[in-house]
Amino acid sequence: MMWGLPWWHGNWWMGFWMLAWWVCLLGVLALAVYGLVSLFNRRGARQPMQRPDPLAILKERYARGEITTDEYHRVRDELKE
């Protein structure tokens, strides 16, 4: 029995240090997750989404031979309006 010993000689300190260890471990894990999430969010924010230029798409289609010269000129004039 440990009734005669002061409170600091008991198992109280072991419980305190176990609790402190788990709190530190969970803190480190939370910081790691936060760092990874912010890293991936910054990577996606660097390259803003760009809309394709309709005239550039038209030129590509004409260059590949998908549309005729008449269609190219007609659509180009419509896009410029």
Protein backbone atom coordinates (compact mmCIF):
# COMPACT_ATOMS: atom_id res chain seq x y z
CA MET A 1 0.00 0.00 0.00
CA MET A 2 1.14 3.48 -0.79
CA TRP A 3 -0.97 5.33 1.72
CA GLY A 4 1.96 6.68 3.61
CA LEU A 5 3.80 8.10 0.58
CA PRO A 6 3.28 11.64 -0.64
CA TRP A 7 1.13 12.07 -3.78
CA TRP A 8 4.14 12.68 -6.10
CA HIS A 9 5.50 9.19 -5.45
CA GLY A 10 2.40 7.45 -6.75
CA ASN A 11 1.28 6.63 -10.27
CA TRP A 12 -0.09 10.12 -10.77
CA TRP A 13 3.05 11.34 -12.60
CA MET A 14 3.04 8.36 -14.93
CA GLY A 15 -0.52 9.13 -15.93
CA PHE A 16 0.34 12.81 -16.44
CA TRP A 17 3.29 12.02 -18.71
CA MET A 18 1.26 9.50 -20.71
CA LEU A 19 -1.41 12.12 -21.24
CA ALA A 20 1.19 14.74 -22.19
CA TRP A 21 2.75 12.29 -24.68
CA TRP A 22 -0.58 11.64 -26.41
CA VAL A 23 -1.42 15.34 -26.56
CA CYS A 24 1.97 16.07 -28.18
CA LEU A 25 1.59 13.18 -30.61
CA LEU A 26 -1.90 14.27 -31.68
CA GLY A 27 -0.65 17.84 -32.06
CA VAL A 28 2.18 16.76 -34.36
CA LEU A 29 -0.22 14.64 -36.42
CA ALA A 30 -2.69 17.52 -36.70
CA LEU A 31 0.10 19.86 -37.88
CA ALA A 32 1.23 17.30 -40.46
CA VAL A 33 -2.30 16.94 -41.86
CA TYR A 34 -2.73 20.72 -41.92
CA GLY A 35 0.59 21.12 -43.75
CA LEU A 36 -0.29 18.54 -46.39
CA VAL A 37 -3.72 20.02 -47.00
CA SER A 38 -2.35 23.54 -47.35
CA LEU A 39 0.40 22.28 -49.68
CA PHE A 40 -2.11 20.70 -52.04
CA ASN A 41 -4.40 23.74 -51.88
CA ARG A 42 -1.54 26.08 -52.84
CA ARG A 43 -0.55 23.87 -55.75
CA GLY A 44 -4.03 24.08 -57.24
CA ALA A 45 -4.22 27.84 -56.71
CA ARG A 46 -1.03 28.55 -58.67
CA GLN A 47 -2.59 27.67 -62.00
CA PRO A 48 -5.86 29.50 -62.45
CA MET A 49 -8.33 27.82 -64.71
CA GLN A 50 -8.27 29.46 -68.12
CA ARG A 51 -11.10 29.46 -70.56
CA PRO A 52 -10.18 28.28 -74.02
CA ASP A 53 -10.14 30.98 -76.68
CA PRO A 54 -12.87 30.23 -79.24
CA LEU A 55 -10.88 31.76 -82.08
CA ALA A 56 -7.85 29.61 -81.20
CA ILE A 57 -10.04 26.49 -81.19
CA LEU A 58 -11.45 27.50 -84.57
CA LYS A 59 -7.93 27.96 -85.97
CA GLU A 60 -6.90 24.53 -84.67
CA ARG A 61 -9.92 22.87 -86.24
CA TYR A 62 -9.18 24.61 -89.55
CA ALA A 63 -5.52 23.56 -89.38
CA ARG A 64 -6.51 19.93 -88.77
CA GLY A 65 -8.87 20.02 -91.75
CA GLU A 66 -12.03 19.49 -89.72
CA ILE A 67 -13.76 22.49 -91.30
CA THR A 68 -13.60 24.08 -94.72
CA THR A 69 -12.32 27.54 -95.59
CA ASP A 70 -15.86 28.88 -96.03
CA GLU A 71 -16.92 27.53 -92.63
CA TYR A 72 -13.80 28.99 -91.04
CA HIS A 73 -14.47 32.49 -92.43
CA ARG A 74 -18.17 32.36 -91.54
CA VAL A 75 -17.59 31.29 -87.92
CA ARG A 76 -14.65 33.70 -87.53
CA ASP A 77 -16.85 36.61 -88.63
CA GLU A 78 -19.57 35.49 -86.20
CA LEU A 79 -17.09 35.33 -83.33
CA LYS A 80 -15.71 38.78 -84.05
CA GLU A 81 -19.18 40.35 -83.76
